[in-house]
Amino acid sequence: MAKRPVYLDLLHIHLPLAGWVSVMHRISGALLFIAMPLGVWGLSVSLSGEDGFKRITDCLSQPLPRLILLLLVWALAHHGFAGLRHLALDVHWGVGLRCARQTSIAVLMASGLVTLFAAWRLFA
């Protein structure tokens, strides 16, 4: 009987691209979940009145909050596209190795393009 590892070190395991997309799907979901209270607070403040809206726009004019917002845009885009990919896999569409790799590349490209577009809009 072979000994099983005590833990899985993801940095030393060779995962295929589809595996990394799946791991990033989980990470992006966790980021979105953690950021949800901050987003609700920001929406609440911005809708409280003119002063609250100005407070939020002033905050989002700084570089660090914009980078955080850009990270959350990536998380939302990646989580959405990878979620659609996972739904397709659940109904056995694209389960072949070649198709799984192609859809993984498509998820990465689509989320990257959405993030680049958001970066262009945020920093232009």
Protein backbone atom coordinates (compact mmCIF):
# COMPACT_ATOMS: atom_id res chain seq x y z
CA MET A 1 0.00 0.00 0.00
CA ALA A 2 1.49 3.32 -1.08
CA LYS A 3 1.72 6.17 1.40
CA ARG A 4 -0.49 9.08 0.52
CA PRO A 5 0.81 12.64 0.87
CA VAL A 6 -0.19 14.53 3.98
CA TYR A 7 -0.94 17.67 1.98
CA LEU A 8 -0.97 18.70 -1.65
CA ASP A 9 1.51 21.41 -2.55
CA LEU A 10 -0.06 23.05 -5.59
CA LEU A 11 3.21 24.77 -6.49
CA HIS A 12 4.97 21.42 -6.97
CA ILE A 13 2.16 19.52 -8.68
CA HIS A 14 2.02 19.71 -12.45
CA LEU A 15 -1.55 20.70 -13.21
CA PRO A 16 -2.83 20.98 -16.76
CA LEU A 17 -4.12 24.37 -17.88
CA ALA A 18 -7.71 23.33 -17.17
CA GLY A 19 -6.69 22.54 -13.59
CA TRP A 20 -5.16 25.98 -13.10
CA VAL A 21 -8.28 27.62 -14.52
CA SER A 22 -10.33 25.64 -12.01
CA VAL A 23 -8.06 26.70 -9.12
CA MET A 24 -8.25 30.33 -10.24
CA HIS A 25 -12.05 29.99 -10.44
CA ARG A 26 -12.09 29.11 -6.74
CA ILE A 27 -9.67 31.91 -5.86
CA SER A 28 -11.70 34.47 -7.80
CA GLY A 29 -14.88 33.32 -6.05
CA ALA A 30 -13.22 33.71 -2.65
CA LEU A 31 -12.01 37.21 -3.58
CA LEU A 32 -15.49 38.23 -4.66
CA PHE A 33 -17.01 36.82 -1.47
CA ILE A 34 -14.49 38.64 0.72
CA ALA A 35 -14.97 41.92 -1.19
CA MET A 36 -18.76 41.81 -1.05
CA PRO A 37 -19.10 43.73 2.26
CA LEU A 38 -16.75 46.43 0.95
CA GLY A 39 -18.82 46.75 -2.23
CA VAL A 40 -22.09 46.97 -0.30
CA TRP A 41 -20.57 49.60 2.00
CA GLY A 42 -19.27 51.62 -0.97
CA LEU A 43 -22.65 51.46 -2.70
CA SER A 44 -24.42 52.49 0.49
CA VAL A 45 -22.13 55.47 1.01
CA SER A 46 -22.35 56.56 -2.62
CA LEU A 47 -26.16 56.44 -2.56
CA SER A 48 -26.45 58.28 0.77
CA GLY A 49 -26.18 61.66 -0.89
CA GLU A 50 -23.99 64.01 -2.82
CA ASP A 51 -21.29 64.07 -0.13
CA GLY A 52 -21.14 60.28 0.02
CA PHE A 53 -20.86 60.02 -3.75
CA LYS A 54 -18.02 62.56 -3.76
CA ARG A 55 -16.30 60.61 -0.96
CA ILE A 56 -16.39 57.38 -2.95
CA THR A 57 -15.27 59.03 -6.21
CA ASP A 58 -12.40 60.73 -4.37
CA CYS A 59 -11.39 57.38 -2.90
CA LEU A 60 -11.52 55.68 -6.30
CA SER A 61 -9.35 58.40 -7.84
CA GLN A 62 -6.34 57.04 -5.90
CA PRO A 63 -4.08 54.40 -7.53
CA LEU A 64 -4.36 51.66 -4.88
CA PRO A 65 -8.19 51.53 -4.78
CA ARG A 66 -8.19 51.49 -8.58
CA LEU A 67 -5.81 48.53 -8.60
CA ILE A 68 -8.03 46.74 -6.08
CA LEU A 69 -11.05 47.50 -8.25
CA LEU A 70 -9.19 46.17 -11.28
CA LEU A 71 -8.37 42.97 -9.39
CA LEU A 72 -12.05 42.59 -8.55
CA VAL A 73 -13.00 43.17 -12.19
CA TRP A 74 -10.63 40.35 -13.15
CA ALA A 75 -12.10 38.14 -10.41
CA LEU A 76 -15.65 38.81 -11.61
CA ALA A 77 -14.78 38.24 -15.28
CA HIS A 78 -12.76 35.09 -14.63
CA HIS A 79 -15.30 33.66 -12.21
CA GLY A 80 -18.13 34.29 -14.67
CA PHE A 81 -16.40 32.82 -17.73
CA ALA A 82 -14.96 29.87 -15.81
CA GLY A 83 -18.37 29.26 -14.25
CA LEU A 84 -19.94 29.05 -17.71
CA ARG A 85 -17.17 26.62 -18.68
CA HIS A 86 -17.89 24.50 -15.60
CA LEU A 87 -21.61 24.48 -16.40
CA ALA A 88 -20.82 23.24 -19.91
CA LEU A 89 -18.61 20.51 -18.44
CA ASP A 90 -21.43 19.51 -16.09
CA VAL A 91 -23.62 18.66 -19.08
CA HIS A 92 -20.66 16.90 -20.77
CA TRP A 93 -19.92 19.57 -23.38
CA GLY A 94 -16.23 19.97 -24.05
CA VAL A 95 -14.94 17.21 -21.80
CA GLY A 96 -12.34 15.98 -24.29
CA LEU A 97 -8.73 16.93 -23.61
CA ARG A 98 -8.36 19.15 -26.67
CA CYS A 99 -11.65 20.95 -26.10
CA ALA A 100 -10.96 21.36 -22.37
CA ARG A 101 -7.63 23.03 -23.18
CA GLN A 102 -9.24 25.28 -25.79
CA THR A 103 -12.00 26.40 -23.42
CA SER A 104 -9.42 27.04 -20.70
CA ILE A 105 -7.49 29.28 -23.08
CA ALA A 106 -10.75 31.00 -24.06
CA VAL A 107 -11.58 31.68 -20.38
CA LEU A 108 -8.12 33.16 -19.77
CA MET A 109 -8.25 35.29 -22.91
CA ALA A 110 -11.80 36.54 -22.30
CA SER A 111 -11.13 37.47 -18.67
CA GLY A 112 -7.85 39.09 -19.70
CA LEU A 113 -9.56 41.16 -22.39
CA VAL A 114 -12.28 42.31 -19.99
CA THR A 115 -9.61 43.26 -17.46
CA LEU A 116 -7.57 45.14 -20.07
CA PHE A 117 -10.68 47.03 -21.16
CA ALA A 118 -11.44 47.92 -17.53
CA ALA A 119 -7.84 49.02 -16.99
CA TRP A 120 -8.06 51.22 -20.08
CA ARG A 121 -11.27 52.81 -18.74
CA LEU A 122 -9.97 53.15 -15.15
CA PHE A 123 -6.53 54.57 -15.94
CA ALA A 124 -7.21 56.56 -19.12
